[in-house]
Amino acid sequence: MTQVTSTENALFELSSSLYVDAAPADVYDIVSDLARSGEWSPECVGGEWTVGTPRTVGSVFRGENLRSEDVVGWAPVVRGTWFTESEVVAAEPGRAFQWAMRDSAGRRQQSVWGFAIEPQGTGSRLTHHFRMISATEGIRGITSEMSDTEREAFFAEWGAKVEGDLGTTLGRIKDVVEEN
């Protein structure tokens, strides 16, 4: 079962979780391999580690992403192929893996994605979460010329899109993990 939660403390604070029939260490080995994101992400099609030892705190991943035309179709979001940089901020084998999005100058932003893994029965409870405290460089660019009404509509639609993506990602990860 997937459960989505959100709070009002951040611009976005969303999570979704489900049961995976695999040990926490096995789940971690898969979700911490961001180069495999194309197997489960609705937008990230893969990428490469560019700095540091892959999967360790401080390492940097350059992700390749693909967004369709219909995603918040009225807003000026990037469409087609685009790239991101993220820095690993938590790497606890079998427990947690998190990465912060970086801006164009390579600084960590207050936009963190991650996975938490807990033992549950003979398997694991996998939670995928996203938290954005304040608008990222990209979000500021997208919303800079919007009216208050348009900005409110954008955040509502974008939040719904991310909520859906979290659940989709988890379902696909579950399939990958349980097939191994």
N, C-alpha and C. Protein backbone atom coordinates (compact mmCIF):
# COMPACT_ATOMS: atom_id res chain seq x y z
N MET A 1 0.84 -1.19 0.00
CA MET A 1 0.00 0.00 0.00
C MET A 1 0.88 1.25 0.00
N THR A 2 0.53 2.22 -0.78
CA THR A 2 1.26 3.48 -0.83
C THR A 2 0.48 4.52 -0.05
N GLN A 3 1.19 5.25 0.79
CA GLN A 3 0.56 6.33 1.54
C GLN A 3 1.35 7.60 1.27
N VAL A 4 0.67 8.68 0.94
CA VAL A 4 1.31 9.95 0.66
C VAL A 4 0.95 10.91 1.77
N THR A 5 1.96 11.63 2.28
CA THR A 5 1.70 12.63 3.30
C THR A 5 2.34 13.94 2.88
N SER A 6 1.81 15.04 3.39
CA SER A 6 2.43 16.33 3.14
C SER A 6 2.19 17.22 4.36
N THR A 7 3.05 18.22 4.54
CA THR A 7 2.89 19.16 5.64
C THR A 7 3.04 20.56 5.11
N GLU A 8 2.69 21.53 5.92
CA GLU A 8 2.74 22.93 5.51
C GLU A 8 4.05 23.61 5.92
N ASN A 9 4.99 22.92 6.58
CA ASN A 9 6.21 23.55 7.08
C ASN A 9 7.22 23.92 6.01
N ALA A 10 7.12 23.33 4.88
CA ALA A 10 8.07 23.56 3.79
C ALA A 10 7.26 23.88 2.53
N LEU A 11 7.96 24.37 1.53
CA LEU A 11 7.30 24.61 0.25
C LEU A 11 6.70 23.29 -0.27
N PHE A 12 7.51 22.22 -0.18
CA PHE A 12 7.03 20.87 -0.46
C PHE A 12 7.62 19.95 0.59
N GLU A 13 6.80 19.08 1.14
CA GLU A 13 7.27 18.02 2.01
C GLU A 13 6.34 16.84 1.79
N LEU A 14 6.82 15.90 0.99
CA LEU A 14 5.99 14.80 0.53
C LEU A 14 6.70 13.47 0.75
N SER A 15 5.92 12.44 1.00
CA SER A 15 6.51 11.11 1.11
C SER A 15 5.49 10.06 0.72
N SER A 16 6.01 8.93 0.32
CA SER A 16 5.18 7.79 -0.03
C SER A 16 5.95 6.55 0.41
N SER A 17 5.25 5.54 0.88
CA SER A 17 5.96 4.34 1.30
C SER A 17 5.17 3.09 0.96
N LEU A 18 5.91 1.98 0.89
CA LEU A 18 5.29 0.69 0.65
C LEU A 18 6.21 -0.42 1.15
N TYR A 19 5.65 -1.61 1.21
CA TYR A 19 6.40 -2.79 1.63
C TYR A 19 7.13 -3.39 0.43
N VAL A 20 8.39 -3.79 0.64
CA VAL A 20 9.18 -4.46 -0.39
C VAL A 20 9.66 -5.78 0.21
N ASP A 21 9.48 -6.85 -0.53
CA ASP A 21 9.86 -8.18 -0.04
C ASP A 21 11.34 -8.43 -0.29
N ALA A 22 12.17 -7.71 0.49
CA ALA A 22 13.63 -7.84 0.40
C ALA A 22 14.22 -7.23 1.66
N ALA A 23 15.40 -7.69 2.02
CA ALA A 23 16.10 -7.17 3.19
C ALA A 23 16.51 -5.71 2.98
N PRO A 24 16.56 -4.92 4.05
CA PRO A 24 16.96 -3.51 3.92
C PRO A 24 18.28 -3.30 3.18
N ALA A 25 19.26 -4.14 3.41
CA ALA A 25 20.55 -3.99 2.72
C ALA A 25 20.40 -4.16 1.21
N ASP A 26 19.56 -5.09 0.79
CA ASP A 26 19.34 -5.32 -0.64
C ASP A 26 18.58 -4.15 -1.28
N VAL A 27 17.60 -3.62 -0.56
CA VAL A 27 16.85 -2.47 -1.06
C VAL A 27 17.80 -1.27 -1.19
N TYR A 28 18.62 -1.05 -0.17
CA TYR A 28 19.56 0.07 -0.19
C TYR A 28 20.52 -0.02 -1.38
N ASP A 29 21.02 -1.22 -1.64
CA ASP A 29 21.96 -1.40 -2.76
C ASP A 29 21.36 -0.93 -4.09
N ILE A 30 20.08 -1.10 -4.24
CA ILE A 30 19.44 -0.67 -5.49
C ILE A 30 19.13 0.82 -5.47
N VAL A 31 18.47 1.32 -4.42
CA VAL A 31 18.04 2.73 -4.44
C VAL A 31 19.20 3.71 -4.35
N SER A 32 20.33 3.29 -3.84
CA SER A 32 21.49 4.19 -3.75
C SER A 32 22.28 4.25 -5.05
N ASP A 33 21.92 3.43 -6.01
CA ASP A 33 22.60 3.41 -7.30
C ASP A 33 21.85 4.34 -8.27
N LEU A 34 22.08 5.65 -8.12
CA LEU A 34 21.32 6.63 -8.91
C LEU A 34 21.49 6.46 -10.41
N ALA A 35 22.57 5.85 -10.84
CA ALA A 35 22.77 5.62 -12.27
C ALA A 35 21.69 4.69 -12.83
N ARG A 36 21.03 3.93 -11.96
CA ARG A 36 19.95 3.03 -12.39
C ARG A 36 18.58 3.70 -12.34
N SER A 37 18.53 4.98 -12.02
CA SER A 37 17.24 5.68 -11.86
C SER A 37 16.31 5.52 -13.05
N GLY A 38 16.86 5.37 -14.23
CA GLY A 38 16.03 5.20 -15.42
C GLY A 38 15.13 3.98 -15.35
N GLU A 39 15.46 3.03 -14.47
CA GLU A 39 14.63 1.84 -14.32
C GLU A 39 13.35 2.13 -13.54
N TRP A 40 13.32 3.24 -12.79
CA TRP A 40 12.14 3.48 -11.96
C TRP A 40 11.62 4.92 -11.95
N SER A 41 12.41 5.87 -12.30
CA SER A 41 11.98 7.26 -12.20
C SER A 41 11.10 7.69 -13.38
N PRO A 42 10.04 8.45 -13.11
CA PRO A 42 9.23 9.00 -14.21
C PRO A 42 9.97 10.07 -15.02
N GLU A 43 11.04 10.67 -14.47
CA GLU A 43 11.76 11.72 -15.21
C GLU A 43 13.24 11.43 -15.41
N CYS A 44 13.93 10.92 -14.40
CA CYS A 44 15.37 10.69 -14.53
C CYS A 44 15.60 9.41 -15.35
N VAL A 45 16.32 9.56 -16.45
CA VAL A 45 16.57 8.40 -17.31
C VAL A 45 17.94 7.78 -17.06
N GLY A 46 18.70 8.35 -16.13
CA GLY A 46 20.02 7.83 -15.79
C GLY A 46 20.98 8.97 -15.53
N GLY A 47 22.24 8.68 -15.65
CA GLY A 47 23.26 9.69 -15.41
C GLY A 47 24.56 9.06 -14.99
N GLU A 48 25.42 9.90 -14.40
CA GLU A 48 26.73 9.40 -14.00
C GLU A 48 27.23 10.14 -12.77
N TRP A 49 28.08 9.45 -12.02
CA TRP A 49 28.74 10.06 -10.88
C TRP A 49 29.90 10.88 -11.42
N THR A 50 30.01 12.13 -10.98
CA THR A 50 31.04 13.02 -11.52
C THR A 50 32.10 13.43 -10.51
N VAL A 51 31.78 13.34 -9.22
CA VAL A 51 32.71 13.74 -8.18
C VAL A 51 32.62 12.74 -7.03
N GLY A 52 33.77 12.35 -6.49
CA GLY A 52 33.79 11.50 -5.31
C GLY A 52 33.50 10.05 -5.59
N THR A 53 33.48 9.29 -4.51
CA THR A 53 33.17 7.87 -4.57
C THR A 53 31.65 7.72 -4.66
N PRO A 54 31.15 7.08 -5.71
CA PRO A 54 29.70 6.94 -5.86
C PRO A 54 29.02 6.43 -4.59
N ARG A 55 27.85 7.00 -4.32
CA ARG A 55 26.98 6.59 -3.22
C ARG A 55 27.46 7.00 -1.84
N THR A 56 28.48 7.86 -1.75
CA THR A 56 28.97 8.31 -0.45
C THR A 56 28.66 9.79 -0.25
N VAL A 57 28.58 10.20 1.00
CA VAL A 57 28.29 11.60 1.30
C VAL A 57 29.34 12.49 0.63
N GLY A 58 28.85 13.50 -0.05
CA GLY A 58 29.71 14.44 -0.76
C GLY A 58 29.88 14.13 -2.23
N SER A 59 29.56 12.91 -2.64
CA SER A 59 29.70 12.58 -4.06
C SER A 59 28.61 13.30 -4.85
N VAL A 60 28.90 13.55 -6.13
CA VAL A 60 27.99 14.32 -6.98
C VAL A 60 27.55 13.46 -8.16
N PHE A 61 26.25 13.52 -8.42
CA PHE A 61 25.65 12.77 -9.51
C PHE A 61 25.06 13.75 -10.52
N ARG A 62 25.36 13.55 -11.79
CA ARG A 62 24.77 14.36 -12.86
C ARG A 62 23.68 13.51 -13.50
N GLY A 63 22.44 13.92 -13.31
CA GLY A 63 21.31 13.17 -13.82
C GLY A 63 20.83 13.69 -15.15
N GLU A 64 20.44 12.76 -16.01
CA GLU A 64 19.81 13.11 -17.28
C GLU A 64 18.32 12.87 -17.11
N ASN A 65 17.53 13.87 -17.47
CA ASN A 65 16.10 13.82 -17.24
C ASN A 65 15.34 14.06 -18.54
N LEU A 66 14.12 13.57 -18.57
CA LEU A 66 13.26 13.75 -19.73
C LEU A 66 11.85 14.07 -19.22
N ARG A 67 11.33 15.23 -19.62
CA ARG A 67 10.00 15.65 -19.18
C ARG A 67 9.11 15.81 -20.40
N SER A 68 7.90 15.27 -20.31
CA SER A 68 6.96 15.36 -21.43
C SER A 68 6.28 16.73 -21.47
N GLU A 69 5.69 17.02 -22.60
CA GLU A 69 5.04 18.32 -22.84
C GLU A 69 3.83 18.55 -21.96
N ASP A 70 3.18 17.48 -21.50
CA ASP A 70 1.93 17.65 -20.76
C ASP A 70 2.10 17.92 -19.27
N VAL A 71 3.32 17.87 -18.73
CA VAL A 71 3.55 18.10 -17.31
C VAL A 71 3.37 19.59 -17.03
N VAL A 72 2.33 19.91 -16.27
CA VAL A 72 1.97 21.31 -15.99
C VAL A 72 2.16 22.10 -17.28
N GLY A 73 1.45 21.64 -18.31
CA GLY A 73 1.64 22.10 -19.67
C GLY A 73 1.58 23.60 -19.90
N TRP A 74 0.89 24.32 -19.07
CA TRP A 74 0.76 25.77 -19.25
C TRP A 74 1.93 26.55 -18.66
N ALA A 75 2.74 25.91 -17.82
CA ALA A 75 3.83 26.62 -17.12
C ALA A 75 5.13 26.53 -17.91
N PRO A 76 6.01 27.50 -17.72
CA PRO A 76 7.29 27.50 -18.45
C PRO A 76 8.34 26.58 -17.84
N VAL A 77 8.02 25.29 -17.68
CA VAL A 77 8.99 24.34 -17.15
C VAL A 77 9.82 23.78 -18.30
N VAL A 78 10.99 23.26 -17.97
CA VAL A 78 11.86 22.67 -18.99
C VAL A 78 11.18 21.44 -19.57
N ARG A 79 11.21 21.32 -20.86
CA ARG A 79 10.62 20.17 -21.57
C ARG A 79 11.74 19.44 -22.32
N GLY A 80 11.50 18.19 -22.61
CA GLY A 80 12.52 17.41 -23.31
C GLY A 80 13.62 17.00 -22.35
N THR A 81 14.84 16.91 -22.86
CA THR A 81 15.99 16.47 -22.06
C THR A 81 16.61 17.64 -21.32
N TRP A 82 16.94 17.42 -20.06
CA TRP A 82 17.61 18.42 -19.24
C TRP A 82 18.45 17.71 -18.20
N PHE A 83 19.38 18.40 -17.60
CA PHE A 83 20.34 17.79 -16.67
C PHE A 83 20.28 18.46 -15.31
N THR A 84 20.57 17.69 -14.29
CA THR A 84 20.64 18.20 -12.92
C THR A 84 21.93 17.71 -12.28
N GLU A 85 22.34 18.39 -11.24
CA GLU A 85 23.43 17.92 -10.38
C GLU A 85 22.89 17.79 -8.97
N SER A 86 23.25 16.70 -8.32
CA SER A 86 22.85 16.51 -6.93
C SER A 86 24.03 15.98 -6.14
N GLU A 87 24.01 16.30 -4.85
CA GLU A 87 25.09 15.90 -3.95
C GLU A 87 24.52 14.99 -2.87
N VAL A 88 25.15 13.87 -2.64
CA VAL A 88 24.70 12.94 -1.61
C VAL A 88 24.92 13.58 -0.24
N VAL A 89 23.85 13.62 0.56
CA VAL A 89 23.93 14.23 1.89
C VAL A 89 23.70 13.22 3.01
N ALA A 90 23.26 12.02 2.69
CA ALA A 90 23.12 10.95 3.67
C ALA A 90 23.29 9.62 2.96
N ALA A 91 24.12 8.76 3.53
CA ALA A 91 24.36 7.44 2.96
C ALA A 91 24.59 6.46 4.12
N GLU A 92 23.52 5.86 4.59
CA GLU A 92 23.58 4.91 5.69
C GLU A 92 23.08 3.56 5.18
N PRO A 93 24.02 2.68 4.77
CA PRO A 93 23.61 1.40 4.19
C PRO A 93 22.52 0.69 4.98
N GLY A 94 21.49 0.26 4.24
CA GLY A 94 20.37 -0.45 4.83
C GLY A 94 19.37 0.45 5.54
N ARG A 95 19.62 1.78 5.60
CA ARG A 95 18.74 2.68 6.36
C ARG A 95 18.27 3.91 5.59
N ALA A 96 19.22 4.67 5.01
CA ALA A 96 18.83 5.95 4.41
C ALA A 96 19.81 6.38 3.32
N PHE A 97 19.25 6.99 2.28
CA PHE A 97 20.05 7.56 1.20
C PHE A 97 19.35 8.82 0.75
N GLN A 98 20.08 9.97 0.76
CA GLN A 98 19.48 11.25 0.39
C GLN A 98 20.44 12.07 -0.45
N TRP A 99 19.86 12.90 -1.33
CA TRP A 99 20.67 13.79 -2.15
C TRP A 99 19.99 15.14 -2.26
N ALA A 100 20.82 16.20 -2.24
CA ALA A 100 20.33 17.57 -2.37
C ALA A 100 20.61 18.06 -3.78
N MET A 101 19.64 18.74 -4.36
CA MET A 101 19.82 19.31 -5.68
C MET A 101 20.79 20.49 -5.57
N ARG A 102 21.63 20.65 -6.58
CA ARG A 102 22.59 21.75 -6.61
C ARG A 102 22.13 22.81 -7.62
N ASP A 103 22.52 24.06 -7.36
CA ASP A 103 22.19 25.12 -8.30
C ASP A 103 23.26 25.20 -9.38
N SER A 104 23.13 26.16 -10.29
CA SER A 104 24.06 26.25 -11.42
C SER A 104 25.48 26.60 -10.98
N ALA A 105 25.66 27.10 -9.76
CA ALA A 105 27.00 27.39 -9.24
C ALA A 105 27.55 26.22 -8.42
N GLY A 106 26.80 25.12 -8.34
CA GLY A 106 27.25 23.93 -7.61
C GLY A 106 26.97 23.96 -6.12
N ARG A 107 26.13 24.89 -5.66
CA ARG A 107 25.77 24.96 -4.24
C ARG A 107 24.55 24.10 -3.97
N ARG A 108 24.58 23.43 -2.80
CA ARG A 108 23.42 22.64 -2.40
C ARG A 108 22.23 23.56 -2.16
N GLN A 109 21.08 23.13 -2.64
CA GLN A 109 19.84 23.88 -2.41
C GLN A 109 19.04 23.16 -1.33
N GLN A 110 18.02 23.81 -0.86
CA GLN A 110 17.16 23.23 0.17
C GLN A 110 16.07 22.38 -0.49
N SER A 111 16.52 21.48 -1.34
CA SER A 111 15.65 20.57 -2.08
C SER A 111 16.29 19.19 -1.99
N VAL A 112 15.73 18.35 -1.14
CA VAL A 112 16.34 17.05 -0.84
C VAL A 112 15.37 15.92 -1.16
N TRP A 113 15.88 14.97 -1.92
CA TRP A 113 15.16 13.74 -2.25
C TRP A 113 15.82 12.60 -1.50
N GLY A 114 15.10 11.54 -1.22
CA GLY A 114 15.75 10.42 -0.56
C GLY A 114 14.86 9.23 -0.33
N PHE A 115 15.49 8.23 0.26
CA PHE A 115 14.83 6.98 0.62
C PHE A 115 15.17 6.65 2.07
N ALA A 116 14.18 6.18 2.80
CA ALA A 116 14.37 5.64 4.14
C ALA A 116 13.92 4.19 4.09
N ILE A 117 14.68 3.33 4.75
CA ILE A 117 14.39 1.90 4.71
C ILE A 117 14.34 1.39 6.14
N GLU A 118 13.28 0.67 6.46
CA GLU A 118 13.13 0.09 7.79
C GLU A 118 12.78 -1.39 7.64
N PRO A 119 13.33 -2.22 8.53
CA PRO A 119 12.92 -3.63 8.49
C PRO A 119 11.43 -3.74 8.81
N GLN A 120 10.73 -4.60 8.09
CA GLN A 120 9.32 -4.86 8.38
C GLN A 120 9.05 -6.32 8.05
N GLY A 121 8.77 -7.09 9.05
CA GLY A 121 8.54 -8.51 8.85
C GLY A 121 9.74 -9.15 8.20
N THR A 122 9.52 -9.87 7.10
CA THR A 122 10.63 -10.51 6.39
C THR A 122 11.21 -9.61 5.29
N GLY A 123 10.71 -8.39 5.21
CA GLY A 123 11.16 -7.48 4.17
C GLY A 123 11.48 -6.10 4.70
N SER A 124 11.06 -5.08 3.96
CA SER A 124 11.40 -3.69 4.30
C SER A 124 10.23 -2.76 4.01
N ARG A 125 10.14 -1.71 4.79
CA ARG A 125 9.25 -0.59 4.49
C ARG A 125 10.14 0.46 3.83
N LEU A 126 9.87 0.74 2.56
CA LEU A 126 10.64 1.71 1.79
C LEU A 126 9.83 2.99 1.67
N THR A 127 10.43 4.10 2.08
CA THR A 127 9.78 5.41 1.97
C THR A 127 10.61 6.28 1.05
N HIS A 128 9.95 6.88 0.09
CA HIS A 128 10.59 7.84 -0.83
C HIS A 128 10.07 9.21 -0.43
N HIS A 129 10.98 10.15 -0.19
CA HIS A 129 10.55 11.46 0.30
C HIS A 129 11.22 12.59 -0.47
N PHE A 130 10.55 13.72 -0.43
CA PHE A 130 11.03 14.93 -1.08
C PHE A 130 10.68 16.11 -0.19
N ARG A 131 11.66 16.96 0.04
CA ARG A 131 11.43 18.16 0.85
C ARG A 131 12.14 19.34 0.20
N MET A 132 11.38 20.40 -0.04
CA MET A 132 11.94 21.64 -0.54
C MET A 132 11.54 22.73 0.45
N ILE A 133 12.53 23.25 1.17
CA ILE A 133 12.25 24.28 2.17
C ILE A 133 11.90 25.60 1.49
N SER A 134 12.74 26.02 0.59
CA SER A 134 12.47 27.25 -0.16
C SER A 134 12.69 26.96 -1.64
N ALA A 135 12.14 27.82 -2.46
CA ALA A 135 12.20 27.59 -3.91
C ALA A 135 13.63 27.47 -4.41
N THR A 136 13.85 26.49 -5.25
CA THR A 136 15.16 26.30 -5.88
C THR A 136 15.36 27.35 -6.97
N GLU A 137 16.55 27.39 -7.48
CA GLU A 137 16.87 28.28 -8.61
C GLU A 137 15.90 28.03 -9.77
N GLY A 138 15.64 26.78 -10.07
CA GLY A 138 14.74 26.44 -11.17
C GLY A 138 13.31 26.88 -10.92
N ILE A 139 12.82 26.62 -9.72
CA ILE A 139 11.44 27.00 -9.38
C ILE A 139 11.31 28.52 -9.38
N ARG A 140 12.31 29.22 -8.89
CA ARG A 140 12.26 30.69 -8.92
C ARG A 140 12.17 31.19 -10.36
N GLY A 141 12.92 30.56 -11.26
CA GLY A 141 12.86 30.95 -12.67
C GLY A 141 11.52 30.67 -13.29
N ILE A 142 10.95 29.53 -12.97
CA ILE A 142 9.64 29.15 -13.52
C ILE A 142 8.55 30.11 -13.06
N THR A 143 8.59 30.49 -11.80
CA THR A 143 7.49 31.27 -11.22
C THR A 143 7.73 32.78 -11.20
N SER A 144 8.88 33.25 -11.64
CA SER A 144 9.24 34.67 -11.50
C SER A 144 8.27 35.63 -12.17
N GLU A 145 7.67 35.25 -13.25
CA GLU A 145 6.78 36.16 -13.97
C GLU A 145 5.32 35.79 -13.81
N MET A 146 5.03 34.89 -12.89
CA MET A 146 3.64 34.46 -12.68
C MET A 146 2.94 35.41 -11.71
N SER A 147 1.64 35.54 -11.91
CA SER A 147 0.82 36.26 -10.93
C SER A 147 0.68 35.38 -9.70
N ASP A 148 0.17 35.92 -8.62
CA ASP A 148 -0.05 35.13 -7.40
C ASP A 148 -0.97 33.95 -7.68
N THR A 149 -2.00 34.17 -8.46
CA THR A 149 -2.95 33.11 -8.80
C THR A 149 -2.27 32.01 -9.62
N GLU A 150 -1.47 32.40 -10.59
CA GLU A 150 -0.75 31.42 -11.41
C GLU A 150 0.27 30.65 -10.56
N ARG A 151 0.96 31.36 -9.68
CA ARG A 151 1.95 30.72 -8.81
C ARG A 151 1.27 29.69 -7.91
N GLU A 152 0.13 30.05 -7.34
CA GLU A 152 -0.61 29.13 -6.48
C GLU A 152 -1.04 27.89 -7.28
N ALA A 153 -1.53 28.10 -8.49
CA ALA A 153 -1.94 26.98 -9.35
C ALA A 153 -0.74 26.11 -9.71
N PHE A 154 0.39 26.74 -10.00
CA PHE A 154 1.59 25.98 -10.34
C PHE A 154 2.00 25.09 -9.17
N PHE A 155 2.09 25.66 -7.97
CA PHE A 155 2.52 24.86 -6.82
C PHE A 155 1.55 23.72 -6.53
N ALA A 156 0.27 23.94 -6.70
CA ALA A 156 -0.70 22.88 -6.49
C ALA A 156 -0.51 21.76 -7.53
N GLU A 157 -0.39 22.13 -8.80
CA GLU A 157 -0.22 21.12 -9.86
C GLU A 157 1.13 20.42 -9.74
N TRP A 158 2.19 21.19 -9.43
CA TRP A 158 3.52 20.60 -9.32
C TRP A 158 3.56 19.63 -8.13
N GLY A 159 2.95 20.02 -7.02
CA GLY A 159 2.89 19.14 -5.85
C GLY A 159 2.17 17.84 -6.16
N ALA A 160 1.05 17.92 -6.88
CA ALA A 160 0.31 16.72 -7.26
C ALA A 160 1.14 15.84 -8.18
N LYS A 161 1.89 16.47 -9.09
CA LYS A 161 2.75 15.70 -10.00
C LYS A 161 3.82 14.96 -9.20
N VAL A 162 4.47 15.65 -8.26
CA VAL A 162 5.53 15.02 -7.46
C VAL A 162 4.95 13.90 -6.60
N GLU A 163 3.78 14.13 -6.00
CA GLU A 163 3.14 13.06 -5.21
C GLU A 163 2.94 11.81 -6.06
N GLY A 164 2.44 11.99 -7.26
CA GLY A 164 2.24 10.86 -8.16
C GLY A 164 3.54 10.18 -8.53
N ASP A 165 4.56 10.99 -8.78
CA ASP A 165 5.88 10.44 -9.14
C ASP A 165 6.47 9.61 -8.01
N LEU A 166 6.29 10.05 -6.76
CA LEU A 166 6.83 9.28 -5.63
C LEU A 166 6.24 7.88 -5.61
N GLY A 167 4.93 7.78 -5.75
CA GLY A 167 4.28 6.47 -5.75
C GLY A 167 4.67 5.62 -6.94
N THR A 168 4.75 6.24 -8.12
CA THR A 168 5.17 5.51 -9.32
C THR A 168 6.58 4.97 -9.15
N THR A 169 7.46 5.82 -8.64
CA THR A 169 8.85 5.40 -8.42
C THR A 169 8.92 4.21 -7.49
N LEU A 170 8.20 4.27 -6.38
CA LEU A 170 8.24 3.16 -5.43
C LEU A 170 7.73 1.86 -6.04
N GLY A 171 6.65 1.93 -6.79
CA GLY A 171 6.12 0.72 -7.42
C GLY A 171 7.13 0.09 -8.36
N ARG A 172 7.82 0.94 -9.11
CA ARG A 172 8.83 0.43 -10.05
C ARG A 172 10.04 -0.12 -9.32
N ILE A 173 10.45 0.54 -8.23
CA ILE A 173 11.57 0.02 -7.43
C ILE A 173 11.19 -1.34 -6.85
N LYS A 174 9.99 -1.44 -6.32
CA LYS A 174 9.53 -2.72 -5.76
C LYS A 174 9.67 -3.84 -6.81
N ASP A 175 9.24 -3.55 -8.04
CA ASP A 175 9.34 -4.55 -9.10
C ASP A 175 10.81 -4.92 -9.36
N VAL A 176 11.68 -3.93 -9.43
CA VAL A 176 13.12 -4.19 -9.69
C VAL A 176 13.73 -5.00 -8.56
N VAL A 177 13.47 -4.59 -7.32
CA VAL A 177 14.07 -5.26 -6.16
C VAL A 177 13.57 -6.70 -6.06
N GLU A 178 12.28 -6.89 -6.20
CA GLU A 178 11.72 -8.22 -6.02
C GLU A 178 12.01 -9.16 -7.18
N GLU A 179 12.42 -8.63 -8.33
CA GLU A 179 12.82 -9.49 -9.45
C GLU A 179 14.24 -10.00 -9.28
N ASN A 180 15.06 -9.31 -8.47
CA ASN A 180 16.47 -9.73 -8.26
C ASN A 180 16.57 -10.93 -7.35
